[in-house]
Protein backbone atom coordinates (compact mmCIF):
# COMPACT_ATOMS: atom_id res chain seq x y z
CA MET A 1 10.81 18.40 -28.56
CA THR A 2 9.03 15.60 -30.36
CA GLN A 3 6.95 13.52 -28.02
CA ASP A 4 6.60 10.24 -29.85
CA ARG A 5 5.41 7.03 -28.23
CA ASN A 6 8.90 5.82 -27.37
CA TYR A 7 9.66 9.06 -25.51
CA LEU A 8 6.35 8.92 -23.68
CA ARG A 9 6.92 5.28 -22.69
CA MET A 10 10.11 6.30 -20.88
CA LEU A 11 8.32 8.84 -18.66
CA SER A 12 7.10 8.14 -15.15
CA ASP A 13 3.39 7.77 -14.54
CA SER A 14 3.17 11.14 -12.81
CA GLU A 15 4.89 12.85 -15.77
CA LEU A 16 2.43 11.19 -18.15
CA VAL A 17 -0.48 12.46 -16.06
CA ARG A 18 0.91 16.01 -16.13
CA ILE A 19 1.46 15.96 -19.91
CA ALA A 20 -1.99 14.52 -20.58
CA LEU A 21 -3.65 17.17 -18.43
CA ASP A 22 -1.60 19.94 -20.05
CA ARG A 23 -2.69 18.90 -23.53
CA ASN A 24 -6.34 19.29 -22.57
CA HIS A 25 -7.53 16.64 -25.01
CA GLU A 26 -10.64 15.02 -23.52
CA LEU A 27 -9.42 11.44 -23.90
CA ALA A 28 -6.01 12.35 -22.50
CA VAL A 29 -7.63 14.10 -19.53
CA VAL A 30 -9.87 11.13 -18.73
CA LEU A 31 -6.98 8.67 -19.04
CA ALA A 32 -4.81 10.89 -16.87
CA GLU A 33 -7.49 10.99 -14.19
CA ARG A 34 -7.79 7.20 -14.24
CA LEU A 35 -4.00 6.77 -14.10
CA SER A 36 -3.84 9.20 -11.22
CA GLU A 37 -6.42 7.13 -9.32
CA LEU A 38 -4.36 3.98 -9.95
CA LEU A 39 -1.24 5.67 -8.62
CA ASN A 40 -3.14 6.47 -5.42
CA VAL A 41 -4.30 2.86 -5.14
CA GLU A 42 -0.70 1.64 -5.24
CA ALA A 43 0.22 3.97 -2.39
CA GLU A 44 -2.82 2.86 -0.39
CA LEU A 45 -1.89 -0.78 -0.99
CA GLU A 46 1.63 -0.20 0.33
CA ASP A 47 0.17 1.52 3.41
CA ALA A 48 -2.21 -1.40 3.95
CA LYS A 49 0.64 -3.92 3.66
CA THR A 50 2.63 -1.98 6.25
CA GLU A 51 -0.37 -1.89 8.58
CA ILE A 52 -0.91 -5.65 8.14
CA ASP A 53 2.73 -6.30 9.04
CA GLU A 54 2.41 -4.13 12.16
CA LEU A 55 -0.81 -5.85 13.21
CA THR A 56 0.76 -9.26 12.64
CA ASN A 57 3.68 -8.31 14.89
CA GLU A 58 1.31 -7.03 17.59
CA THR A 59 -0.73 -10.23 17.33
CA ASN A 60 2.40 -12.35 17.77
CA ILE A 61 3.37 -10.34 20.85
CA LEU A 62 -0.10 -10.77 22.34
CA LYS A 63 -0.07 -14.51 21.62
CA ALA A 64 3.27 -14.80 23.41
CA GLU A 65 1.83 -12.92 26.41
CA VAL A 66 -1.20 -15.23 26.45
CA ASP A 67 1.11 -18.25 26.42
CA ILE A 68 3.04 -16.84 29.40
CA LEU A 69 -0.17 -16.15 31.32
CA GLN A 70 -1.54 -19.59 30.48
CA ALA A 71 1.65 -21.19 31.75
CA SER A 72 1.31 -19.21 34.99
CA LEU A 73 -2.28 -20.38 35.40
CA ASP A 74 -1.25 -23.95 34.73
CA ARG A 75 1.42 -23.71 37.46
CA ILE A 76 -1.11 -22.26 39.91
CA ASP A 77 -3.55 -25.07 39.12
CA ALA A 78 -0.80 -27.67 39.54
CA ASP A 79 0.14 -26.23 42.95
CA GLU A 80 -3.43 -26.49 44.25
């Protein structure tokens, strides 16, 4: 199978990494390693975004609880 640029452009990043490492050309190996690192960064970024969303939700819940407690304190102070 001929692996011209157009064919290679259609492949996924992970397939490109595998092909580059299989060819054992120094430049291809180095580029594959760098691409592999970038793929990991994308996954880490998605994980971080998910964690930020979860922390934002927890923060909103805690703020709501603080508001409820503050309202209770305000009622107690008003009764005194």
